[in-house]
PDB file of N, CA and C in Angstrom:
ATOM      1  N   MET A   1      -9.080  12.299   2.382  1.00  0.00           N
ATOM      2  CA  MET A   1      -7.681  12.252   2.784  1.00  0.00           C
ATOM      3  C   MET A   1      -7.368  14.026   2.323  1.00  0.00           C
ATOM      4  N   SER A   2      -6.979  14.680   3.331  1.00  0.00           N
ATOM      5  CA  SER A   2      -6.521  16.210   3.151  1.00  0.00           C
ATOM      6  C   SER A   2      -5.313  15.858   2.942  1.00  0.00           C
ATOM      7  N   GLU A   3      -4.240  15.074   3.782  1.00  0.00           N
ATOM      8  CA  GLU A   3      -2.491  14.600   3.251  1.00  0.00           C
ATOM      9  C   GLU A   3      -2.634  14.420   1.953  1.00  0.00           C
ATOM     10  N   GLN A   4      -1.750  14.409   1.555  1.00  0.00           N
ATOM     11  CA  GLN A   4      -0.845  14.384   0.117  1.00  0.00           C
ATOM     12  C   GLN A   4      -0.304  12.512   0.731  1.00  0.00           C
ATOM     13  N   ILE A   5      -0.798  11.869  -0.285  1.00  0.00           N
ATOM     14  CA  ILE A   5      -0.346  10.325  -0.447  1.00  0.00           C
ATOM     15  C   ILE A   5       1.415  10.019  -0.248  1.00  0.00           C
ATOM     16  N   LEU A   6       2.141  10.825  -1.543  1.00  0.00           N
ATOM     17  CA  LEU A   6       3.438  11.427  -1.851  1.00  0.00           C
ATOM     18  C   LEU A   6       3.729  12.539  -1.828  1.00  0.00           C
ATOM     19  N   SER A   7       5.007  13.012  -1.580  1.00  0.00           N
ATOM     20  CA  SER A   7       5.064  14.329  -1.933  1.00  0.00           C
ATOM     21  C   SER A   7       5.839  14.256  -2.876  1.00  0.00           C
ATOM     22  N   GLU A   8       5.916  15.254  -3.464  1.00  0.00           N
ATOM     23  CA  GLU A   8       6.499  15.721  -5.168  1.00  0.00           C
ATOM     24  C   GLU A   8       8.266  15.140  -5.217  1.00  0.00           C
ATOM     25  N   ASP A   9       8.826  15.582  -3.652  1.00  0.00           N
ATOM     26  CA  ASP A   9      10.517  15.165  -3.956  1.00  0.00           C
ATOM     27  C   ASP A   9      10.095  13.510  -4.367  1.00  0.00           C
ATOM     28  N   ARG A  10       9.505  12.789  -3.293  1.00  0.00           N
ATOM     29  CA  ARG A  10       9.197  11.642  -3.153  1.00  0.00           C
ATOM     30  C   ARG A  10       8.657  10.959  -4.428  1.00  0.00           C
ATOM     31  N   ALA A  11       8.328  11.592  -4.992  1.00  0.00           N
ATOM     32  CA  ALA A  11       7.481  10.988  -6.016  1.00  0.00           C
ATOM     33  C   ALA A  11       8.471  11.006  -7.199  1.00  0.00           C
ATOM     34  N   LYS A  12       8.880  11.887  -7.389  1.00  0.00           N
ATOM     35  CA  LYS A  12      10.669  12.515  -8.530  1.00  0.00           C
ATOM     36  C   LYS A  12      11.397  11.343  -8.319  1.00  0.00           C
ATOM     37  N   GLY A  13      11.646  10.880  -7.227  1.00  0.00           N
ATOM     38  CA  GLY A  13      12.380   9.843  -7.083  1.00  0.00           C
ATOM     39  C   GLY A  13      12.498   8.572  -7.231  1.00  0.00           C
ATOM     40  N   LEU A  14      11.159   8.331  -6.737  1.00  0.00           N
ATOM     41  CA  LEU A  14      10.574   6.831  -7.228  1.00  0.00           C
ATOM     42  C   LEU A  14       9.940   6.957  -8.673  1.00  0.00           C
ATOM     43  N   ARG A  15       9.724   7.885  -9.435  1.00  0.00           N
ATOM     44  CA  ARG A  15       9.535   8.059 -10.479  1.00  0.00           C
ATOM     45  C   ARG A  15      11.148   7.350 -11.553  1.00  0.00           C
ATOM     46  N   ARG A  16      11.799   7.907 -11.173  1.00  0.00           N
ATOM     47  CA  ARG A  16      13.033   8.069 -11.718  1.00  0.00           C
ATOM     48  C   ARG A  16      13.625   6.466 -11.379  1.00  0.00           C
ATOM     49  N   LEU A  17      13.791   6.317 -10.094  1.00  0.00           N
ATOM     50  CA  LEU A  17      14.019   4.622 -10.061  1.00  0.00           C
ATOM     51  C   LEU A  17      13.158   3.493 -10.436  1.00  0.00           C
ATOM     52  N   LEU A  18      11.684   3.609 -10.624  1.00  0.00           N
ATOM     53  CA  LEU A  18      11.052   2.438 -11.050  1.00  0.00           C
ATOM     54  C   LEU A  18      11.264   2.827 -12.608  1.00  0.00           C
ATOM     55  N   TYR A  19      11.166   4.188 -13.138  1.00  0.00           N
ATOM     56  CA  TYR A  19      12.094   3.947 -15.475  1.00  0.00           C
ATOM     57  C   TYR A  19      13.451   3.236 -15.212  1.00  0.00           C
ATOM     58  N   VAL A  20      14.323   3.374 -13.851  1.00  0.00           N
ATOM     59  CA  VAL A  20      15.245   2.561 -14.452  1.00  0.00           C
ATOM     60  C   VAL A  20      14.934   0.841 -13.822  1.00  0.00           C
ATOM     61  N   ILE A  21      14.034   0.404 -13.210  1.00  0.00           N
ATOM     62  CA  ILE A  21      13.501  -0.633 -12.937  1.00  0.00           C
ATOM     63  C   ILE A  21      13.199  -1.471 -14.311  1.00  0.00           C
ATOM     64  N   LEU A  22      12.557  -0.287 -15.158  1.00  0.00           N
ATOM     65  CA  LEU A  22      11.837  -1.028 -16.411  1.00  0.00           C
ATOM     66  C   LEU A  22      12.561  -0.939 -17.660  1.00  0.00           C
ATOM     67  N   ALA A  23      13.648   0.125 -17.460  1.00  0.00           N
ATOM     68  CA  ALA A  23      14.905  -0.256 -17.830  1.00  0.00           C
ATOM     69  C   ALA A  23      15.196  -1.566 -18.252  1.00  0.00           C
ATOM     70  N   MET A  24      15.891  -2.051 -17.027  1.00  0.00           N
ATOM     71  CA  MET A  24      16.516  -2.893 -16.394  1.00  0.00           C
ATOM     72  C   MET A  24      15.670  -4.293 -17.225  1.00  0.00           C
ATOM     73  N   THR A  25      14.033  -4.158 -17.280  1.00  0.00           N
ATOM     74  CA  THR A  25      13.464  -5.429 -17.352  1.00  0.00           C
ATOM     75  C   THR A  25      13.234  -5.360 -18.970  1.00  0.00           C
ATOM     76  N   VAL A  26      13.707  -4.411 -19.472  1.00  0.00           N
ATOM     77  CA  VAL A  26      14.434  -4.948 -20.662  1.00  0.00           C
ATOM     78  C   VAL A  26      15.181  -5.262 -21.678  1.00  0.00           C
ATOM     79  N   VAL A  27      16.455  -4.794 -20.695  1.00  0.00           N
ATOM     80  CA  VAL A  27      17.878  -5.321 -20.779  1.00  0.00           C
ATOM     81  C   VAL A  27      17.721  -6.570 -20.759  1.00  0.00           C
ATOM     82  N   LEU A  28      17.060  -7.345 -19.463  1.00  0.00           N
ATOM     83  CA  LEU A  28      16.541  -8.634 -19.071  1.00  0.00           C
ATOM     84  C   LEU A  28      16.081  -9.475 -20.106  1.00  0.00           C
ATOM     85  N   LEU A  29      15.072  -8.410 -20.960  1.00  0.00           N
ATOM     86  CA  LEU A  29      14.466  -9.563 -21.926  1.00  0.00           C
ATOM     87  C   LEU A  29      15.422  -9.740 -23.361  1.00  0.00           C
ATOM     88  N   LEU A  30      16.010  -9.058 -23.153  1.00  0.00           N
ATOM     89  CA  LEU A  30      17.328  -8.833 -24.489  1.00  0.00           C
ATOM     90  C   LEU A  30      18.666  -9.853 -24.328  1.00  0.00           C
ATOM     91  N   LEU A  31      18.764 -10.367 -22.618  1.00  0.00           N
ATOM     92  CA  LEU A  31      19.206 -11.052 -22.866  1.00  0.00           C
ATOM     93  C   LEU A  31      18.791 -12.110 -22.252  1.00  0.00           C
ATOM     94  N   GLY A  32      17.481 -12.337 -22.147  1.00  0.00           N
ATOM     95  CA  GLY A  32      17.227 -13.632 -21.877  1.00  0.00           C
ATOM     96  C   GLY A  32      17.086 -14.394 -23.070  1.00  0.00           C
ATOM     97  N   LEU A  33      16.482 -13.534 -24.383  1.00  0.00           N
ATOM     98  CA  LEU A  33      16.228 -14.253 -25.532  1.00  0.00           C
ATOM     99  C   LEU A  33      17.704 -14.986 -26.282  1.00  0.00           C
ATOM    100  N   PRO A  34      18.527 -14.381 -26.223  1.00  0.00           N
ATOM    101  CA  PRO A  34      20.202 -15.394 -26.743  1.00  0.00           C
ATOM    102  C   PRO A  34      19.853 -16.482 -25.788  1.00  0.00           C
ATOM    103  N   LEU A  35      19.642 -16.428 -24.639  1.00  0.00           N
ATOM    104  CA  LEU A  35      20.147 -17.714 -23.383  1.00  0.00           C
ATOM    105  C   LEU A  35      18.814 -19.011 -24.077  1.00  0.00           C
ATOM    106  N   VAL A  36      17.452 -18.500 -24.445  1.00  0.00           N
ATOM    107  CA  VAL A  36      16.479 -19.427 -24.500  1.00  0.00           C
ATOM    108  C   VAL A  36      17.286 -19.818 -26.008  1.00  0.00           C
ATOM    109  N   PHE A  37      17.293 -19.177 -27.094  1.00  0.00           N
ATOM    110  CA  PHE A  37      17.810 -19.823 -28.033  1.00  0.00           C
ATOM    111  C   PHE A  37      19.340 -20.328 -28.106  1.00  0.00           C
ATOM    112  N   GLY A  38      20.031 -20.248 -27.083  1.00  0.00           N
ATOM    113  CA  GLY A  38      21.363 -20.860 -27.158  1.00  0.00           C
ATOM    114  C   GLY A  38      20.874 -22.326 -25.889  1.00  0.00           C
ATOM    115  N   SER A  39      22.378 -22.316 -25.091  1.00  0.00           N
ATOM    116  CA  SER A  39      22.334 -23.885 -24.714  1.00  0.00           C
ATOM    117  C   SER A  39      21.919 -23.523 -23.239  1.00  0.00           C
ATOM    118  N   TYR A  40      21.273 -22.436 -23.100  1.00  0.00           N
ATOM    119  CA  TYR A  40      20.712 -21.923 -21.614  1.00  0.00           C
ATOM    120  C   TYR A  40      19.325 -21.746 -21.854  1.00  0.00           C
ATOM    121  N   VAL A  41      18.756 -22.853 -22.126  1.00  0.00           N
ATOM    122  CA  VAL A  41      17.198 -22.719 -22.166  1.00  0.00           C
ATOM    123  C   VAL A  41      16.747 -22.138 -20.766  1.00  0.00           C
ATOM    124  N   ARG A  42      17.362 -23.016 -19.692  1.00  0.00           N
ATOM    125  CA  ARG A  42      16.343 -23.092 -18.396  1.00  0.00           C
ATOM    126  C   ARG A  42      16.942 -21.660 -17.862  1.00  0.00           C
ATOM    127  N   TYR A  43      17.906 -21.705 -17.712  1.00  0.00           N
ATOM    128  CA  TYR A  43      18.062 -19.785 -16.962  1.00  0.00           C
ATOM    129  C   TYR A  43      17.652 -18.973 -17.876  1.00  0.00           C
ATOM    130  N   GLY A  44      17.407 -19.274 -19.133  1.00  0.00           N
ATOM    131  CA  GLY A  44      16.932 -17.995 -20.189  1.00  0.00           C
ATOM    132  C   GLY A  44      15.681 -18.092 -20.070  1.00  0.00           C
ATOM    133  N   ILE A  45      15.210 -19.048 -19.542  1.00  0.00           N
ATOM    134  CA  ILE A  45      13.318 -18.807 -19.054  1.00  0.00           C
ATOM    135  C   ILE A  45      13.035 -18.236 -17.834  1.00  0.00           C
ATOM    136  N   ILE A  46      13.840 -18.350 -17.037  1.00  0.00           N
ATOM    137  CA  ILE A  46      14.129 -17.630 -15.499  1.00  0.00           C
ATOM    138  C   ILE A  46      14.803 -16.252 -15.428  1.00  0.00           C
ATOM    139  N   VAL A  47      15.550 -15.748 -16.294  1.00  0.00           N
ATOM    140  CA  VAL A  47      15.940 -14.168 -16.510  1.00  0.00           C
ATOM    141  C   VAL A  47      14.292 -13.448 -17.328  1.00  0.00           C
ATOM    142  N   ILE A  48      13.787 -14.407 -18.180  1.00  0.00           N
ATOM    143  CA  ILE A  48      12.817 -13.861 -18.905  1.00  0.00           C
ATOM    144  C   ILE A  48      11.712 -13.607 -18.061  1.00  0.00           C
ATOM    145  N   GLY A  49      11.425 -14.749 -17.130  1.00  0.00           N
ATOM    146  CA  GLY A  49      10.291 -14.422 -16.361  1.00  0.00           C
ATOM    147  C   GLY A  49      10.261 -13.806 -15.062  1.00  0.00           C
ATOM    148  N   ILE A  50      11.305 -13.214 -14.604  1.00  0.00           N
ATOM    149  CA  ILE A  50      11.950 -12.483 -13.687  1.00  0.00           C
ATOM    150  C   ILE A  50      11.875 -10.672 -14.377  1.00  0.00           C
ATOM    151  N   ALA A  51      12.137 -11.079 -15.421  1.00  0.00           N
ATOM    152  CA  ALA A  51      11.531  -9.823 -16.925  1.00  0.00           C
ATOM    153  C   ALA A  51      10.245  -9.152 -16.663  1.00  0.00           C
ATOM    154  N   VAL A  52       9.869 -10.275 -16.636  1.00  0.00           N
ATOM    155  CA  VAL A  52       7.843  -9.949 -16.795  1.00  0.00           C
ATOM    156  C   VAL A  52       7.600  -9.582 -15.324  1.00  0.00           C
ATOM    157  N   VAL A  53       8.126 -10.344 -14.303  1.00  0.00           N
ATOM    158  CA  VAL A  53       7.535  -9.706 -12.886  1.00  0.00           C
ATOM    159  C   VAL A  53       7.932  -8.738 -12.354  1.00  0.00           C
ATOM    160  N   LEU A  54       8.758  -8.090 -12.725  1.00  0.00           N
ATOM    161  CA  LEU A  54       9.634  -6.804 -12.524  1.00  0.00           C
ATOM    162  C   LEU A  54       9.014  -5.651 -13.213  1.00  0.00           C
ATOM    163  N   GLY A  55       8.647  -6.256 -14.103  1.00  0.00           N
ATOM    164  CA  GLY A  55       7.968  -4.993 -15.621  1.00  0.00           C
ATOM    165  C   GLY A  55       6.410  -4.696 -15.433  1.00  0.00           C
ATOM    166  N   VAL A  56       5.883  -6.225 -14.947  1.00  0.00           N
ATOM    167  CA  VAL A  56       4.265  -5.637 -14.466  1.00  0.00           C
ATOM    168  C   VAL A  56       4.425  -4.759 -13.394  1.00  0.00           C
ATOM    169  N   LEU A  57       5.378  -5.127 -11.964  1.00  0.00           N
ATOM    170  CA  LEU A  57       5.149  -4.583 -10.793  1.00  0.00           C
ATOM    171  C   LEU A  57       5.876  -2.848 -11.066  1.00  0.00           C
ATOM    172  N   GLY A  58       6.776  -3.246 -11.961  1.00  0.00           N
ATOM    173  CA  GLY A  58       7.006  -1.681 -12.428  1.00  0.00           C
ATOM    174  C   GLY A  58       6.364  -0.699 -12.688  1.00  0.00           C
ATOM    175  N   GLY A  59       5.967  -1.183 -13.680  1.00  0.00           N
ATOM    176  CA  GLY A  59       4.516  -0.657 -14.307  1.00  0.00           C
ATOM    177  C   GLY A  59       3.387  -0.026 -13.909  1.00  0.00           C
ATOM    178  N   LEU A  60       2.994  -1.175 -13.003  1.00  0.00           N
ATOM    179  CA  LEU A  60       2.119  -1.089 -11.943  1.00  0.00           C
ATOM    180  C   LEU A  60       2.094   0.165 -10.655  1.00  0.00           C
ATOM    181  N   ALA A  61       3.127   0.295 -10.129  1.00  0.00           N
ATOM    182  CA  ALA A  61       4.062   0.783  -9.687  1.00  0.00           C
ATOM    183  C   ALA A  61       4.371   2.519 -10.070  1.00  0.00           C
ATOM    184  N   LEU A  62       4.294   2.571 -10.909  1.00  0.00           N
ATOM    185  CA  LEU A  62       4.631   3.898 -12.019  1.00  0.00           C
ATOM    186  C   LEU A  62       3.337   4.283 -12.226  1.00  0.00           C
ATOM    187  N   GLN A  63       2.531   3.683 -12.650  1.00  0.00           N
ATOM    188  CA  GLN A  63       0.708   4.066 -12.650  1.00  0.00           C
ATOM    189  C   GLN A  63       0.748   4.189 -11.210  1.00  0.00           C
ATOM    190  N   ALA A  64       0.796   4.506 -10.552  1.00  0.00           N
ATOM    191  CA  ALA A  64       0.209   4.134  -9.242  1.00  0.00           C
ATOM    192  C   ALA A  64       1.035   5.807  -8.476  1.00  0.00           C
ATOM    193  N   VAL A  65       2.063   5.983  -8.580  1.00  0.00           N
ATOM    194  CA  VAL A  65       3.028   7.031  -8.097  1.00  0.00           C
ATOM    195  C   VAL A  65       2.282   8.463  -9.246  1.00  0.00           C
ATOM    196  N   ARG A  66       2.194   8.190 -10.230  1.00  0.00           N
ATOM    197  CA  ARG A  66       1.847   9.138 -10.822  1.00  0.00           C
ATOM    198  C   ARG A  66       0.613   9.704 -10.766  1.00  0.00           C
ATOM    199  N   ALA A  67      -0.276   8.824 -10.277  1.00  0.00           N
ATOM    200  CA  ALA A  67      -1.806   9.723  -9.987  1.00  0.00           C
ATOM    201  C   ALA A  67      -1.732   9.300  -8.208  1.00  0.00           C
ATOM    202  N   ARG A  68      -0.493   8.782  -7.767  1.00  0.00           N
ATOM    203  CA  ARG A  68      -0.528   8.971  -6.395  1.00  0.00           C
ATOM    204  C   ARG A  68      -1.575   8.795  -5.499  1.00  0.00           C
ATOM    205  N   THR A  69      -1.955   7.748  -6.019  1.00  0.00           N
ATOM    206  CA  THR A  69      -3.200   7.254  -5.219  1.00  0.00           C
ATOM    207  C   THR A  69      -2.285   6.226  -4.026  1.00  0.00           C
ATOM    208  N   GLU A  70      -3.736   5.773  -3.334  1.00  0.00           N
ATOM    209  CA  GLU A  70      -3.210   5.266  -2.082  1.00  0.00           C
ATOM    210  C   GLU A  70      -2.623   3.597  -2.220  1.00  0.00           C
ATOM    211  N   LYS A  71      -2.777   3.140  -3.168  1.00  0.00           N
ATOM    212  CA  LYS A  71      -2.006   1.650  -3.139  1.00  0.00           C
ATOM    213  C   LYS A  71      -0.083   1.851  -4.011  1.00  0.00           C
ATOM    214  N   ALA A  72      -0.140   3.436  -4.354  1.00  0.00           N
ATOM    215  CA  ALA A  72       1.345   3.645  -4.648  1.00  0.00           C
ATOM    216  C   ALA A  72       2.178   3.192  -3.607  1.00  0.00           C
ATOM    217  N   ARG A  73       1.961   3.417  -2.470  1.00  0.00           N
ATOM    218  CA  ARG A  73       3.205   2.775  -1.142  1.00  0.00           C
ATOM    219  C   ARG A  73       3.197   1.427  -0.940  1.00  0.00           C
ATOM    220  N   PRO A  74       2.409   0.964  -1.241  1.00  0.00           N
ATOM    221  CA  PRO A  74       2.311  -0.631  -1.048  1.00  0.00           C
ATOM    222  C   PRO A  74       2.871  -1.140  -2.695  1.00  0.00           C
ATOM    223  N   LEU A  75       2.536  -0.555  -3.456  1.00  0.00           N
ATOM    224  CA  LEU A  75       3.285  -0.780  -4.354  1.00  0.00           C
ATOM    225  C   LEU A  75       4.156  -0.993  -4.750  1.00  0.00           C
ATOM    226  N   VAL A  76       4.470   0.404  -4.685  1.00  0.00           N
ATOM    227  CA  VAL A  76       6.359   0.391  -4.610  1.00  0.00           C
ATOM    228  C   VAL A  76       7.335  -0.224  -3.333  1.00  0.00           C
ATOM    229  N   ILE A  77       6.610  -0.317  -2.484  1.00  0.00           N
ATOM    230  CA  ILE A  77       7.492  -1.582  -1.434  1.00  0.00           C
ATOM    231  C   ILE A  77       7.683  -3.186  -2.230  1.00  0.00           C
ATOM    232  N   MET A  78       6.400  -2.971  -3.134  1.00  0.00           N
ATOM    233  CA  MET A  78       6.650  -4.523  -3.436  1.00  0.00           C
ATOM    234  C   MET A  78       7.546  -4.782  -4.576  1.00  0.00           C
ATOM    235  N   THR A  79       7.724  -3.584  -5.628  1.00  0.00           N
ATOM    236  CA  THR A  79       8.340  -3.910  -6.500  1.00  0.00           C
ATOM    237  C   THR A  79       9.899  -3.429  -5.835  1.00  0.00           C
ATOM    238  N   GLY A  80      10.044  -2.898  -4.560  1.00  0.00           N
ATOM    239  CA  GLY A  80      11.497  -2.984  -4.407  1.00  0.00           C
ATOM    240  C   GLY A  80      11.835  -4.049  -3.819  1.00  0.00           C
ATOM    241  N   VAL A  81      10.775  -4.948  -2.736  1.00  0.00           N
ATOM    242  CA  VAL A  81      11.600  -6.496  -2.537  1.00  0.00           C
ATOM    243  C   VAL A  81      11.478  -7.107  -3.613  1.00  0.00           C
ATOM    244  N   ALA A  82      10.286  -7.549  -4.647  1.00  0.00           N
ATOM    245  CA  ALA A  82      10.652  -8.044  -5.482  1.00  0.00           C
ATOM    246  C   ALA A  82      12.085  -8.025  -6.161  1.00  0.00           C
ATOM    247  N   THR A  83      12.401  -6.367  -6.969  1.00  0.00           N
ATOM    248  CA  THR A  83      13.338  -6.700  -7.221  1.00  0.00           C
ATOM    249  C   THR A  83      14.884  -6.900  -6.658  1.00  0.00           C
ATOM    250  N   LEU A  84      14.547  -6.795  -5.495  1.00  0.00           N
ATOM    251  CA  LEU A  84      16.027  -7.586  -4.493  1.00  0.00           C
ATOM    252  C   LEU A  84      15.873  -9.192  -4.416  1.00  0.00           C
ATOM    253  N   VAL A  85      15.107  -9.544  -4.235  1.00  0.00           N
ATOM    254  CA  VAL A  85      14.728 -11.105  -3.961  1.00  0.00           C
ATOM    255  C   VAL A  85      15.115 -11.493  -5.400  1.00  0.00           C
ATOM    256  N   LEU A  86      14.016 -11.056  -6.423  1.00  0.00           N
ATOM    257  CA  LEU A  86      14.460 -11.911  -7.711  1.00  0.00           C
ATOM    258  C   LEU A  86      15.950 -11.128  -8.604  1.00  0.00           C
ATOM    259  N   SER A  87      16.987  -9.981  -7.839  1.00  0.00           N
ATOM    260  CA  SER A  87      18.245 -10.273  -8.524  1.00  0.00           C
ATOM    261  C   SER A  87      19.314 -11.325  -7.896  1.00  0.00           C
ATOM    262  N   VAL A  88      18.793 -12.053  -6.709  1.00  0.00           N
ATOM    263  CA  VAL A  88      19.660 -12.812  -6.649  1.00  0.00           C
ATOM    264  C   VAL A  88      19.762 -14.275  -7.945  1.00  0.00           C
ATOM    265  N   PRO A  89      19.010 -14.241  -8.583  1.00  0.00           N
ATOM    266  CA  PRO A  89      19.242 -15.164  -9.436  1.00  0.00           C
ATOM    267  C   PRO A  89      20.169 -14.704 -10.403  1.00  0.00           C
ATOM    268  N   LEU A  90      20.190 -13.589 -10.717  1.00  0.00           N
ATOM    269  CA  LEU A  90      20.917 -13.071 -11.753  1.00  0.00           C
ATOM    270  C   LEU A  90      21.877 -12.294 -11.287  1.00  0.00           C
ATOM    271  N   ILE A  91      22.430 -12.750 -10.366  1.00  0.00           N
ATOM    272  CA  ILE A  91      23.706 -12.684  -9.467  1.00  0.00           C
ATOM    273  C   ILE A  91      25.002 -12.727 -11.421  1.00  0.00           C
ATOM    274  N   PRO A  92      24.901 -14.393 -11.561  1.00  0.00           N
ATOM    275  CA  PRO A  92      25.540 -14.966 -12.465  1.00  0.00           C
ATOM    276  C   PRO A  92      26.406 -13.606 -14.172  1.00  0.00           C
ATOM    277  N   ILE A  93      24.942 -12.546 -13.912  1.00  0.00           N
ATOM    278  CA  ILE A  93      24.894 -11.762 -14.862  1.00  0.00           C
ATOM    279  C   ILE A  93      25.488 -10.730 -14.690  1.00  0.00           C
ATOM    280  N   TRP A  94      26.161  -9.459 -14.863  1.00  0.00           N
ATOM    281  CA  TRP A  94      26.238  -8.592 -14.225  1.00  0.00           C
ATOM    282  C   TRP A  94      25.252  -7.440 -13.939  1.00  0.00           C
ATOM    283  N   ILE A  95      23.934  -7.536 -14.476  1.00  0.00           N
ATOM    284  CA  ILE A  95      22.449  -6.855 -14.747  1.00  0.00           C
ATOM    285  C   ILE A  95      21.963  -6.925 -12.796  1.00  0.00           C
ATOM    286  N   GLY A  96      23.066  -8.391 -12.505  1.00  0.00           N
ATOM    287  CA  GLY A  96      22.052  -8.756 -11.015  1.00  0.00           C
ATOM    288  C   GLY A  96      22.457  -7.801 -10.050  1.00  0.00           C
ATOM    289  N   LEU A  97      23.710  -7.375  -9.925  1.00  0.00           N
ATOM    290  CA  LEU A  97      24.287  -6.359  -8.746  1.00  0.00           C
ATOM    291  C   LEU A  97      23.434  -5.029  -8.715  1.00  0.00           C
ATOM    292  N   LEU A  98      23.123  -4.690  -9.974  1.00  0.00           N
ATOM    293  CA  LEU A  98      22.460  -3.740 -10.024  1.00  0.00           C
ATOM    294  C   LEU A  98      21.147  -3.191 -10.023  1.00  0.00           C
ATOM    295  N   THR A  99      20.421  -4.965 -10.575  1.00  0.00           N
ATOM    296  CA  THR A  99      19.356  -4.591 -10.066  1.00  0.00           C
ATOM    297  C   THR A  99      18.908  -5.087  -8.465  1.00  0.00           C
ATOM    298  N   ALA A 100      20.039  -5.559  -7.707  1.00  0.00           N
ATOM    299  CA  ALA A 100      19.851  -5.257  -6.276  1.00  0.00           C
ATOM    300  C   ALA A 100      20.172  -4.119  -5.606  1.00  0.00           C
ATOM    301  N   VAL A 101      20.738  -3.201  -6.114  1.00  0.00           N
ATOM    302  CA  VAL A 101      21.166  -1.746  -5.604  1.00  0.00           C
ATOM    303  C   VAL A 101      19.904  -0.948  -5.897  1.00  0.00           C
ATOM    304  N   THR A 102      19.194  -0.930  -7.107  1.00  0.00           N
ATOM    305  CA  THR A 102      18.268  -0.627  -7.531  1.00  0.00           C
ATOM    306  C   THR A 102      17.055  -0.568  -6.781  1.00  0.00           C
ATOM    307  N   GLY A 103      16.685  -1.797  -6.236  1.00  0.00           N
ATOM    308  CA  GLY A 103      16.004  -2.394  -5.212  1.00  0.00           C
ATOM    309  C   GLY A 103      16.348  -1.348  -3.880  1.00  0.00           C
ATOM    310  N   ILE A 104      17.322  -2.009  -3.450  1.00  0.00           N
ATOM    311  CA  ILE A 104      17.512  -1.149  -1.880  1.00  0.00           C
ATOM    312  C   ILE A 104      17.483   0.260  -2.238  1.00  0.00           C
ATOM    313  N   GLY A 105      17.569   1.020  -3.535  1.00  0.00           N
ATOM    314  CA  GLY A 105      17.544   2.221  -3.608  1.00  0.00           C
ATOM    315  C   GLY A 105      15.861   2.955  -3.646  1.00  0.00           C
ATOM    316  N   LEU A 106      15.005   1.424  -4.093  1.00  0.00           N
ATOM    317  CA  LEU A 106      13.695   2.049  -4.124  1.00  0.00           C
ATOM    318  C   LEU A 106      13.120   2.360  -3.085  1.00  0.00           C
ATOM    319  N   LEU A 107      13.546   0.767  -1.890  1.00  0.00           N
ATOM    320  CA  LEU A 107      13.034   1.022  -0.458  1.00  0.00           C
ATOM    321  C   LEU A 107      13.474   1.901   0.302  1.00  0.00           C
ATOM    322  N   VAL A 108      14.799   2.108   0.009  1.00  0.00           N
ATOM    323  CA  VAL A 108      15.254   3.734   0.408  1.00  0.00           C
ATOM    324  C   VAL A 108      14.429   4.944   0.318  1.00  0.00           C
ATOM    325  N   VAL A 109      14.416   5.521  -0.744  1.00  0.00           N
ATOM    326  CA  VAL A 109      13.452   6.398  -1.178  1.00  0.00           C
ATOM    327  C   VAL A 109      11.910   6.126  -0.225  1.00  0.00           C
ATOM    328  N   MET A 110      12.073   5.450  -0.024  1.00  0.00           N
ATOM    329  CA  MET A 110      10.286   5.222  -0.323  1.00  0.00           C
ATOM    330  C   MET A 110      10.258   5.243   1.375  1.00  0.00           C
ATOM    331  N   PHE A 111      10.986   4.925   1.909  1.00  0.00           N
ATOM    332  CA  PHE A 111      11.509   5.099   3.954  1.00  0.00           C
ATOM    333  C   PHE A 111      11.599   5.941   4.398  1.00  0.00           C
ATOM    334  N   ALA A 112      12.490   6.755   3.290  1.00  0.00           N
ATOM    335  CA  ALA A 112      12.853   7.632   4.460  1.00  0.00           C
ATOM    336  C   ALA A 112      12.249   8.815   4.568  1.00  0.00           C
ATOM    337  N   PRO A 113      12.477   9.541   5.588  1.00  0.00           N
ATOM    338  CA  PRO A 113      11.865  10.450   5.988  1.00  0.00           C
ATOM    339  C   PRO A 113      12.009  11.891   5.172  1.00  0.00           C
ATOM    340  N   GLU A 114      10.579  12.338   5.149  1.00  0.00           N
ATOM    341  CA  GLU A 114      10.624  13.733   4.806  1.00  0.00           C
ATOM    342  C   GLU A 114      11.632  14.619   4.770  1.00  0.00           C
ATOM    343  N   ARG A 115      11.862  15.397   3.867  1.00  0.00           N
ATOM    344  CA  ARG A 115      12.781  16.527   4.200  1.00  0.00           C
ATOM    345  C   ARG A 115      12.011  18.062   4.446  1.00  0.00           C
ATOM    346  N   ASP A 116      12.884  18.590   5.469  1.00  0.00           N
ATOM    347  CA  ASP A 116      11.786  19.476   5.527  1.00  0.00           C
ATOM    348  C   ASP A 116      12.148  20.435   4.707  1.00  0.00           C
ATOM    349  N   ALA A 117      11.029  21.683   4.707  1.00  0.00           N
ATOM    350  CA  ALA A 117      10.943  22.944   2.929  1.00  0.00           C
ATOM    351  C   ALA A 117      11.909  23.886   3.708  1.00  0.00           C
ATOM    352  N   SER A 118      12.310  23.777   4.506  1.00  0.00           N
ATOM    353  CA  SER A 118      13.227  25.284   5.225  1.00  0.00           C
ATOM    354  C   SER A 118      14.648  24.951   5.063  1.00  0.00           C
TER     355      SER A 118
END
């Protein structure tokens, strides 16, 4: 394939958003631990489970975007959709809204038309 899978500008934007998702994963883990050891065990397990899923998807997508493989596009789309869907149970805590906005942003950057160089 002579055409590049992702342009440099798009890959740069996607990398930044994927780093944000991975940072949110760390925050979710840190928020989930006190919930598990406190009186909200069930919700804490849900938060940690969401963090693990987003961490794995975000890490795989970031690796694919860096290498610009053909799997980058579907992995980024899956990560964006998963981030958006999994943000719903996180709405009671402030990071739920941030997670939803990041998922939408990831999908917008992925599907936005390329800018002309001129």
